[in-house]
Full PDB file with SEQRES, HELIX, SHEET, SSBOND, CRYST1, ORIGX, SCALE, CONECT and MASTER records, all heavy atoms in Angstrom:
SEQRES   1 A   34  GLY ASP GLY GLU PRO ILE ALA PRO CYS GLY ARG CYS ARG          
SEQRES   2 A   34  GLN VAL LEU TYR GLU PHE GLY GLY ALA GLU LEU TRP LEU          
SEQRES   3 A   34  ASP ALA GLY GLU GLY ALA ALA PRO                              
HELIX    1 AA1 GLY A   10  GLY A   20  1                                  11    
CRYST1    1.000    1.000    1.000  90.00  90.00  90.00 P 1           1          
ORIGX1      1.000000  0.000000  0.000000        0.00000                         
ORIGX2      0.000000  1.000000  0.000000        0.00000                         
ORIGX3      0.000000  0.000000  1.000000        0.00000                         
SCALE1      1.000000  0.000000  0.000000        0.00000                         
SCALE2      0.000000  1.000000  0.000000        0.00000                         
SCALE3      0.000000  0.000000  1.000000        0.00000                         
ATOM      1  N   GLY A   1     -58.718 -46.750  42.195  1.00  0.00           N  
ATOM      2  CA  GLY A   1     -59.756 -47.125  43.139  1.00  0.00           C  
ATOM      3  C   GLY A   1     -60.169 -46.025  44.088  1.00  0.00           C  
ATOM      4  O   GLY A   1     -61.270 -46.053  44.642  1.00  0.00           O  
ATOM      5  N   ASP A   2     -59.310 -45.007  44.271  1.00  0.00           N  
ATOM      6  CA  ASP A   2     -59.683 -43.878  45.123  1.00  0.00           C  
ATOM      7  C   ASP A   2     -60.563 -42.883  44.384  1.00  0.00           C  
ATOM      8  O   ASP A   2     -60.985 -41.880  44.946  1.00  0.00           O  
ATOM      9  CB  ASP A   2     -58.438 -43.181  45.683  1.00  0.00           C  
ATOM     10  CG  ASP A   2     -57.551 -42.570  44.616  1.00  0.00           C  
ATOM     11  OD1 ASP A   2     -57.880 -42.604  43.409  1.00  0.00           O  
ATOM     12  OD2 ASP A   2     -56.484 -42.034  44.989  1.00  0.00           O  
ATOM     13  N   GLY A   3     -60.846 -43.170  43.101  1.00  0.00           N  
ATOM     14  CA  GLY A   3     -61.713 -42.310  42.310  1.00  0.00           C  
ATOM     15  C   GLY A   3     -61.023 -41.172  41.603  1.00  0.00           C  
ATOM     16  O   GLY A   3     -61.642 -40.434  40.844  1.00  0.00           O  
ATOM     17  N   GLU A   4     -59.731 -41.019  41.843  1.00  0.00           N  
ATOM     18  CA  GLU A   4     -58.983 -39.919  41.235  1.00  0.00           C  
ATOM     19  C   GLU A   4     -58.317 -40.371  39.935  1.00  0.00           C  
ATOM     20  O   GLU A   4     -57.946 -41.538  39.793  1.00  0.00           O  
ATOM     21  CB  GLU A   4     -57.933 -39.391  42.208  1.00  0.00           C  
ATOM     22  CG  GLU A   4     -58.524 -38.745  43.444  1.00  0.00           C  
ATOM     23  CD  GLU A   4     -59.437 -37.572  43.121  1.00  0.00           C  
ATOM     24  OE1 GLU A   4     -59.049 -36.730  42.281  1.00  0.00           O  
ATOM     25  OE2 GLU A   4     -60.542 -37.502  43.703  1.00  0.00           O  
ATOM     26  N   PRO A   5     -58.134 -39.443  38.988  1.00  0.00           N  
ATOM     27  CA  PRO A   5     -57.489 -39.789  37.719  1.00  0.00           C  
ATOM     28  C   PRO A   5     -56.098 -40.377  37.930  1.00  0.00           C  
ATOM     29  O   PRO A   5     -55.391 -40.019  38.869  1.00  0.00           O  
ATOM     30  CB  PRO A   5     -57.393 -38.444  36.989  1.00  0.00           C  
ATOM     31  CG  PRO A   5     -58.458 -37.611  37.591  1.00  0.00           C  
ATOM     32  CD  PRO A   5     -58.537 -38.034  39.033  1.00  0.00           C  
ATOM     33  N   ILE A   6     -55.765 -41.289  37.045  1.00  0.00           N  
ATOM     34  CA  ILE A   6     -54.431 -41.878  37.017  1.00  0.00           C  
ATOM     35  C   ILE A   6     -53.996 -41.891  35.557  1.00  0.00           C  
ATOM     36  O   ILE A   6     -54.794 -42.208  34.668  1.00  0.00           O  
ATOM     37  CB  ILE A   6     -54.421 -43.287  37.654  1.00  0.00           C  
ATOM     38  CG1 ILE A   6     -53.003 -43.815  37.795  1.00  0.00           C  
ATOM     39  CG2 ILE A   6     -55.319 -44.251  36.926  1.00  0.00           C  
ATOM     40  CD1 ILE A   6     -52.897 -45.066  38.669  1.00  0.00           C  
ATOM     41  N   ALA A   7     -52.776 -41.502  35.301  1.00  0.00           N  
ATOM     42  CA  ALA A   7     -52.287 -41.433  33.926  1.00  0.00           C  
ATOM     43  C   ALA A   7     -52.078 -42.830  33.361  1.00  0.00           C  
ATOM     44  O   ALA A   7     -51.596 -43.724  34.062  1.00  0.00           O  
ATOM     45  CB  ALA A   7     -50.981 -40.650  33.877  1.00  0.00           C  
ATOM     46  N   PRO A   8     -52.431 -43.046  32.103  1.00  0.00           N  
ATOM     47  CA  PRO A   8     -52.156 -44.331  31.475  1.00  0.00           C  
ATOM     48  C   PRO A   8     -50.652 -44.595  31.419  1.00  0.00           C  
ATOM     49  O   PRO A   8     -49.864 -43.680  31.183  1.00  0.00           O  
ATOM     50  CB  PRO A   8     -52.713 -44.179  30.061  1.00  0.00           C  
ATOM     51  CG  PRO A   8     -53.685 -43.052  30.145  1.00  0.00           C  
ATOM     52  CD  PRO A   8     -53.146 -42.134  31.213  1.00  0.00           C  
ATOM     53  N   CYS A   9     -50.265 -45.847  31.642  1.00  0.00           N  
ATOM     54  CA  CYS A   9     -48.860 -46.224  31.516  1.00  0.00           C  
ATOM     55  C   CYS A   9     -48.450 -46.136  30.046  1.00  0.00           C  
ATOM     56  O   CYS A   9     -49.287 -45.941  29.165  1.00  0.00           O  
ATOM     57  CB  CYS A   9     -48.634 -47.632  32.070  1.00  0.00           C  
ATOM     58  SG  CYS A   9     -49.351 -48.961  31.065  1.00  0.00           S  
ATOM     59  N   GLY A  10     -47.186 -46.299  29.769  1.00  0.00           N  
ATOM     60  CA  GLY A  10     -46.696 -46.204  28.400  1.00  0.00           C  
ATOM     61  C   GLY A  10     -47.344 -47.205  27.463  1.00  0.00           C  
ATOM     62  O   GLY A  10     -47.732 -46.870  26.341  1.00  0.00           O  
ATOM     63  N   ARG A  11     -47.471 -48.442  27.904  1.00  0.00           N  
ATOM     64  CA  ARG A  11     -48.111 -49.482  27.080  1.00  0.00           C  
ATOM     65  C   ARG A  11     -49.534 -49.082  26.748  1.00  0.00           C  
ATOM     66  O   ARG A  11     -49.985 -49.214  25.616  1.00  0.00           O  
ATOM     67  CB  ARG A  11     -48.079 -50.808  27.824  1.00  0.00           C  
ATOM     68  CG  ARG A  11     -48.826 -51.911  27.129  1.00  0.00           C  
ATOM     69  CD  ARG A  11     -48.724 -53.202  27.952  1.00  0.00           C  
ATOM     70  NE  ARG A  11     -49.456 -54.257  27.311  1.00  0.00           N  
ATOM     71  CZ  ARG A  11     -50.383 -54.988  27.915  1.00  0.00           C  
ATOM     72  NH1 ARG A  11     -50.683 -54.785  29.177  1.00  0.00           N  
ATOM     73  NH2 ARG A  11     -51.004 -55.940  27.268  1.00  0.00           N  
ATOM     74  N   CYS A  12     -50.240 -48.565  27.738  1.00  0.00           N  
ATOM     75  CA  CYS A  12     -51.636 -48.203  27.528  1.00  0.00           C  
ATOM     76  C   CYS A  12     -51.780 -46.976  26.650  1.00  0.00           C  
ATOM     77  O   CYS A  12     -52.754 -46.842  25.916  1.00  0.00           O  
ATOM     78  CB  CYS A  12     -52.337 -48.008  28.860  1.00  0.00           C  
ATOM     79  SG  CYS A  12     -52.573 -49.598  29.678  1.00  0.00           S  
ATOM     80  N   ARG A  13     -50.820 -46.084  26.712  1.00  0.00           N  
ATOM     81  CA  ARG A  13     -50.850 -44.943  25.804  1.00  0.00           C  
ATOM     82  C   ARG A  13     -50.797 -45.435  24.362  1.00  0.00           C  
ATOM     83  O   ARG A  13     -51.489 -44.925  23.487  1.00  0.00           O  
ATOM     84  CB  ARG A  13     -49.698 -43.984  26.110  1.00  0.00           C  
ATOM     85  CG  ARG A  13     -49.869 -43.293  27.446  1.00  0.00           C  
ATOM     86  CD  ARG A  13     -48.684 -42.446  27.839  1.00  0.00           C  
ATOM     87  NE  ARG A  13     -48.813 -42.053  29.235  1.00  0.00           N  
ATOM     88  CZ  ARG A  13     -48.141 -41.086  29.797  1.00  0.00           C  
ATOM     89  NH1 ARG A  13     -47.252 -40.391  29.109  1.00  0.00           N  
ATOM     90  NH2 ARG A  13     -48.335 -40.801  31.073  1.00  0.00           N  
ATOM     91  N   GLN A  14     -49.973 -46.455  24.125  1.00  0.00           N  
ATOM     92  CA  GLN A  14     -49.872 -47.021  22.780  1.00  0.00           C  
ATOM     93  C   GLN A  14     -51.174 -47.718  22.387  1.00  0.00           C  
ATOM     94  O   GLN A  14     -51.632 -47.592  21.255  1.00  0.00           O  
ATOM     95  CB  GLN A  14     -48.694 -47.996  22.709  1.00  0.00           C  
ATOM     96  CG  GLN A  14     -48.414 -48.508  21.318  1.00  0.00           C  
ATOM     97  CD  GLN A  14     -47.937 -47.432  20.361  1.00  0.00           C  
ATOM     98  OE1 GLN A  14     -47.076 -46.629  20.685  1.00  0.00           O  
ATOM     99  NE2 GLN A  14     -48.503 -47.414  19.174  1.00  0.00           N  
ATOM    100  N   VAL A  15     -51.790 -48.442  23.310  1.00  0.00           N  
ATOM    101  CA  VAL A  15     -53.082 -49.097  23.040  1.00  0.00           C  
ATOM    102  C   VAL A  15     -54.138 -48.043  22.708  1.00  0.00           C  
ATOM    103  O   VAL A  15     -54.885 -48.180  21.737  1.00  0.00           O  
ATOM    104  CB  VAL A  15     -53.524 -49.969  24.235  1.00  0.00           C  
ATOM    105  CG1 VAL A  15     -54.970 -50.418  24.098  1.00  0.00           C  
ATOM    106  CG2 VAL A  15     -52.606 -51.177  24.382  1.00  0.00           C  
ATOM    107  N   LEU A  16     -54.199 -46.985  23.495  1.00  0.00           N  
ATOM    108  CA  LEU A  16     -55.175 -45.923  23.240  1.00  0.00           C  
ATOM    109  C   LEU A  16     -54.900 -45.228  21.911  1.00  0.00           C  
ATOM    110  O   LEU A  16     -55.834 -44.848  21.194  1.00  0.00           O  
ATOM    111  CB  LEU A  16     -55.177 -44.917  24.390  1.00  0.00           C  
ATOM    112  CG  LEU A  16     -55.723 -45.433  25.717  1.00  0.00           C  
ATOM    113  CD1 LEU A  16     -55.515 -44.402  26.817  1.00  0.00           C  
ATOM    114  CD2 LEU A  16     -57.194 -45.824  25.608  1.00  0.00           C  
ATOM    115  N   TYR A  17     -53.629 -45.079  21.557  1.00  0.00           N  
ATOM    116  CA  TYR A  17     -53.272 -44.454  20.291  1.00  0.00           C  
ATOM    117  C   TYR A  17     -53.834 -45.258  19.113  1.00  0.00           C  
ATOM    118  O   TYR A  17     -54.295 -44.694  18.128  1.00  0.00           O  
ATOM    119  CB  TYR A  17     -51.751 -44.332  20.179  1.00  0.00           C  
ATOM    120  CG  TYR A  17     -51.308 -43.490  19.012  1.00  0.00           C  
ATOM    121  CD1 TYR A  17     -51.187 -42.109  19.146  1.00  0.00           C  
ATOM    122  CD2 TYR A  17     -51.018 -44.064  17.788  1.00  0.00           C  
ATOM    123  CE1 TYR A  17     -50.787 -41.321  18.082  1.00  0.00           C  
ATOM    124  CE2 TYR A  17     -50.616 -43.290  16.716  1.00  0.00           C  
ATOM    125  CZ  TYR A  17     -50.504 -41.928  16.865  1.00  0.00           C  
ATOM    126  OH  TYR A  17     -50.118 -41.149  15.797  1.00  0.00           O  
ATOM    127  N   GLU A  18     -53.804 -46.560  19.247  1.00  0.00           N  
ATOM    128  CA  GLU A  18     -54.326 -47.428  18.189  1.00  0.00           C  
ATOM    129  C   GLU A  18     -55.799 -47.129  17.896  1.00  0.00           C  
ATOM    130  O   GLU A  18     -56.244 -47.192  16.759  1.00  0.00           O  
ATOM    131  CB  GLU A  18     -54.165 -48.892  18.609  1.00  0.00           C  
ATOM    132  CG  GLU A  18     -54.634 -49.899  17.601  1.00  0.00           C  
ATOM    133  CD  GLU A  18     -53.651 -50.149  16.465  1.00  0.00           C  
ATOM    134  OE1 GLU A  18     -52.479 -49.744  16.565  1.00  0.00           O  
ATOM    135  OE2 GLU A  18     -54.071 -50.764  15.475  1.00  0.00           O  
ATOM    136  N   PHE A  19     -56.547 -46.796  18.931  1.00  0.00           N  
ATOM    137  CA  PHE A  19     -57.994 -46.636  18.796  1.00  0.00           C  
ATOM    138  C   PHE A  19     -58.481 -45.195  18.853  1.00  0.00           C  
ATOM    139  O   PHE A  19     -59.666 -44.947  18.648  1.00  0.00           O  
ATOM    140  CB  PHE A  19     -58.712 -47.473  19.861  1.00  0.00           C  
ATOM    141  CG  PHE A  19     -58.497 -48.933  19.670  1.00  0.00           C  
ATOM    142  CD1 PHE A  19     -57.514 -49.601  20.380  1.00  0.00           C  
ATOM    143  CD2 PHE A  19     -59.236 -49.649  18.745  1.00  0.00           C  
ATOM    144  CE1 PHE A  19     -57.293 -50.954  20.187  1.00  0.00           C  
ATOM    145  CE2 PHE A  19     -59.019 -51.002  18.542  1.00  0.00           C  
ATOM    146  CZ  PHE A  19     -58.040 -51.658  19.272  1.00  0.00           C  
ATOM    147  N   GLY A  20     -57.582 -44.252  19.133  1.00  0.00           N  
ATOM    148  CA  GLY A  20     -58.007 -42.862  19.206  1.00  0.00           C  
ATOM    149  C   GLY A  20     -57.051 -41.881  18.571  1.00  0.00           C  
ATOM    150  O   GLY A  20     -57.416 -40.758  18.275  1.00  0.00           O  
ATOM    151  N   GLY A  21     -55.811 -42.304  18.391  1.00  0.00           N  
ATOM    152  CA  GLY A  21     -54.815 -41.433  17.779  1.00  0.00           C  
ATOM    153  C   GLY A  21     -54.404 -40.281  18.669  1.00  0.00           C  
ATOM    154  O   GLY A  21     -54.807 -40.174  19.828  1.00  0.00           O  
ATOM    155  N   ALA A  22     -53.597 -39.419  18.112  1.00  0.00           N  
ATOM    156  CA  ALA A  22     -53.034 -38.292  18.853  1.00  0.00           C  
ATOM    157  C   ALA A  22     -54.101 -37.299  19.310  1.00  0.00           C  
ATOM    158  O   ALA A  22     -53.903 -36.569  20.267  1.00  0.00           O  
ATOM    159  CB  ALA A  22     -51.997 -37.573  17.993  1.00  0.00           C  
ATOM    160  N   GLU A  23     -55.248 -37.289  18.643  1.00  0.00           N  
ATOM    161  CA  GLU A  23     -56.304 -36.323  18.957  1.00  0.00           C  
ATOM    162  C   GLU A  23     -57.205 -36.758  20.106  1.00  0.00           C  
ATOM    163  O   GLU A  23     -58.061 -35.989  20.549  1.00  0.00           O  
ATOM    164  CB  GLU A  23     -57.155 -36.059  17.710  1.00  0.00           C  
ATOM    165  CG  GLU A  23     -56.354 -35.473  16.560  1.00  0.00           C  
ATOM    166  CD  GLU A  23     -55.655 -34.179  16.951  1.00  0.00           C  
ATOM    167  OE1 GLU A  23     -56.326 -33.269  17.470  1.00  0.00           O  
ATOM    168  OE2 GLU A  23     -54.427 -34.083  16.750  1.00  0.00           O  
ATOM    169  N   LEU A  24     -57.042 -37.959  20.611  1.00  0.00           N  
ATOM    170  CA  LEU A  24     -57.867 -38.472  21.708  1.00  0.00           C  
ATOM    171  C   LEU A  24     -57.732 -37.581  22.933  1.00  0.00           C  
ATOM    172  O   LEU A  24     -56.624 -37.255  23.361  1.00  0.00           O  
ATOM    173  CB  LEU A  24     -57.430 -39.906  22.057  1.00  0.00           C  
ATOM    174  CG  LEU A  24     -58.094 -40.554  23.262  1.00  0.00           C  
ATOM    175  CD1 LEU A  24     -59.578 -40.772  23.023  1.00  0.00           C  
ATOM    176  CD2 LEU A  24     -57.406 -41.866  23.592  1.00  0.00           C  
ATOM    177  N   TRP A  25     -58.866 -37.196  23.531  1.00  0.00           N  
ATOM    178  CA  TRP A  25     -58.866 -36.400  24.754  1.00  0.00           C  
ATOM    179  C   TRP A  25     -58.747 -37.315  25.958  1.00  0.00           C  
ATOM    180  O   TRP A  25     -59.458 -38.312  26.050  1.00  0.00           O  
ATOM    181  CB  TRP A  25     -60.158 -35.590  24.888  1.00  0.00           C  
ATOM    182  CG  TRP A  25     -60.298 -34.473  23.912  1.00  0.00           C  
ATOM    183  CD1 TRP A  25     -61.127 -34.425  22.833  1.00  0.00           C  
ATOM    184  CD2 TRP A  25     -59.594 -33.230  23.933  1.00  0.00           C  
ATOM    185  NE1 TRP A  25     -60.973 -33.228  22.179  1.00  0.00           N  
ATOM    186  CE2 TRP A  25     -60.043 -32.485  22.832  1.00  0.00           C  
ATOM    187  CE3 TRP A  25     -58.624 -32.694  24.775  1.00  0.00           C  
ATOM    188  CZ2 TRP A  25     -59.553 -31.208  22.554  1.00  0.00           C  
ATOM    189  CZ3 TRP A  25     -58.142 -31.424  24.493  1.00  0.00           C  
ATOM    190  CH2 TRP A  25     -58.606 -30.694  23.395  1.00  0.00           C  
ATOM    191  N   LEU A  26     -57.863 -36.974  26.897  1.00  0.00           N  
ATOM    192  CA  LEU A  26     -57.693 -37.719  28.144  1.00  0.00           C  
ATOM    193  C   LEU A  26     -58.043 -36.817  29.324  1.00  0.00           C  
ATOM    194  O   LEU A  26     -57.547 -35.693  29.413  1.00  0.00           O  
ATOM    195  CB  LEU A  26     -56.248 -38.204  28.295  1.00  0.00           C  
ATOM    196  CG  LEU A  26     -55.800 -39.266  27.307  1.00  0.00           C  
ATOM    197  CD1 LEU A  26     -54.320 -39.546  27.483  1.00  0.00           C  
ATOM    198  CD2 LEU A  26     -56.597 -40.536  27.490  1.00  0.00           C  
ATOM    199  N   ASP A  27     -58.883 -37.331  30.186  1.00  0.00           N  
ATOM    200  CA  ASP A  27     -59.311 -36.589  31.359  1.00  0.00           C  
ATOM    201  C   ASP A  27     -58.142 -36.373  32.310  1.00  0.00           C  
ATOM    202  O   ASP A  27     -57.340 -37.272  32.541  1.00  0.00           O  
ATOM    203  CB  ASP A  27     -60.421 -37.367  32.062  1.00  0.00           C  
ATOM    204  CG  ASP A  27     -61.005 -36.643  33.246  1.00  0.00           C  
ATOM    205  OD1 ASP A  27     -61.037 -35.398  33.244  1.00  0.00           O  
ATOM    206  OD2 ASP A  27     -61.448 -37.326  34.176  1.00  0.00           O  
ATOM    207  N   ALA A  28     -58.073 -35.191  32.874  1.00  0.00           N  
ATOM    208  CA  ALA A  28     -57.047 -34.874  33.871  1.00  0.00           C  
ATOM    209  C   ALA A  28     -57.672 -34.628  35.241  1.00  0.00           C  
ATOM    210  O   ALA A  28     -56.980 -34.264  36.175  1.00  0.00           O  
ATOM    211  CB  ALA A  28     -56.241 -33.655  33.426  1.00  0.00           C  
ATOM    212  N   GLY A  29     -58.979 -34.817  35.352  1.00  0.00           N  
ATOM    213  CA  GLY A  29     -59.670 -34.624  36.621  1.00  0.00           C  
ATOM    214  C   GLY A  29     -60.419 -33.309  36.682  1.00  0.00           C  
ATOM    215  O   GLY A  29     -60.225 -32.421  35.842  1.00  0.00           O  
ATOM    216  N   GLU A  30     -61.278 -33.216  37.673  1.00  0.00           N  
ATOM    217  CA  GLU A  30     -62.071 -31.998  37.856  1.00  0.00           C  
ATOM    218  C   GLU A  30     -61.162 -30.799  38.072  1.00  0.00           C  
ATOM    219  O   GLU A  30     -60.195 -30.857  38.821  1.00  0.00           O  
ATOM    220  CB  GLU A  30     -63.014 -32.172  39.035  1.00  0.00           C  
ATOM    221  CG  GLU A  30     -64.090 -33.212  38.770  1.00  0.00           C  
ATOM    222  CD  GLU A  30     -65.055 -33.351  39.926  1.00  0.00           C  
ATOM    223  OE1 GLU A  30     -65.473 -32.317  40.475  1.00  0.00           O  
ATOM    224  OE2 GLU A  30     -65.363 -34.500  40.264  1.00  0.00           O  
ATOM    225  N   GLY A  31     -61.467 -29.727  37.369  1.00  0.00           N  
ATOM    226  CA  GLY A  31     -60.703 -28.500  37.522  1.00  0.00           C  
ATOM    227  C   GLY A  31     -59.422 -28.454  36.710  1.00  0.00           C  
ATOM    228  O   GLY A  31     -58.719 -27.455  36.732  1.00  0.00           O  
ATOM    229  N   ALA A  32     -59.103 -29.522  36.020  1.00  0.00           N  
ATOM    230  CA  ALA A  32     -57.898 -29.564  35.187  1.00  0.00           C  
ATOM    231  C   ALA A  32     -58.308 -29.752  33.727  1.00  0.00           C  
ATOM    232  O   ALA A  32     -59.283 -30.444  33.438  1.00  0.00           O  
ATOM    233  CB  ALA A  32     -56.977 -30.699  35.620  1.00  0.00           C  
ATOM    234  N   ALA A  33     -57.583 -29.145  32.853  1.00  0.00           N  
ATOM    235  CA  ALA A  33     -57.906 -29.230  31.430  1.00  0.00           C  
ATOM    236  C   ALA A  33     -57.537 -30.607  30.873  1.00  0.00           C  
ATOM    237  O   ALA A  33     -56.436 -31.097  31.135  1.00  0.00           O  
ATOM    238  CB  ALA A  33     -57.154 -28.148  30.660  1.00  0.00           C  
ATOM    239  N   PRO A  34     -58.441 -31.219  30.111  1.00  0.00           N  
ATOM    240  CA  PRO A  34     -58.094 -32.478  29.440  1.00  0.00           C  
ATOM    241  C   PRO A  34     -56.923 -32.258  28.491  1.00  0.00           C  
ATOM    242  O   PRO A  34     -56.691 -31.149  28.020  1.00  0.00           O  
ATOM    243  CB  PRO A  34     -59.360 -32.832  28.663  1.00  0.00           C  
ATOM    244  CG  PRO A  34     -60.448 -32.040  29.306  1.00  0.00           C  
ATOM    245  CD  PRO A  34     -59.801 -30.797  29.827  1.00  0.00           C  
TER     246      PRO A  34                                                      
MASTER        0    0    0    1    0    0    0    6  245    1    0    3          
END                                                                             
């Protein structure tokens, strides 16, 4: 809610893996490499 990136929890990492796999890019915020 503060607008800053938050890392997906373990459960959500598994959910994202189902739909994007290991190659899915995750944002790390402005100035940080995905």
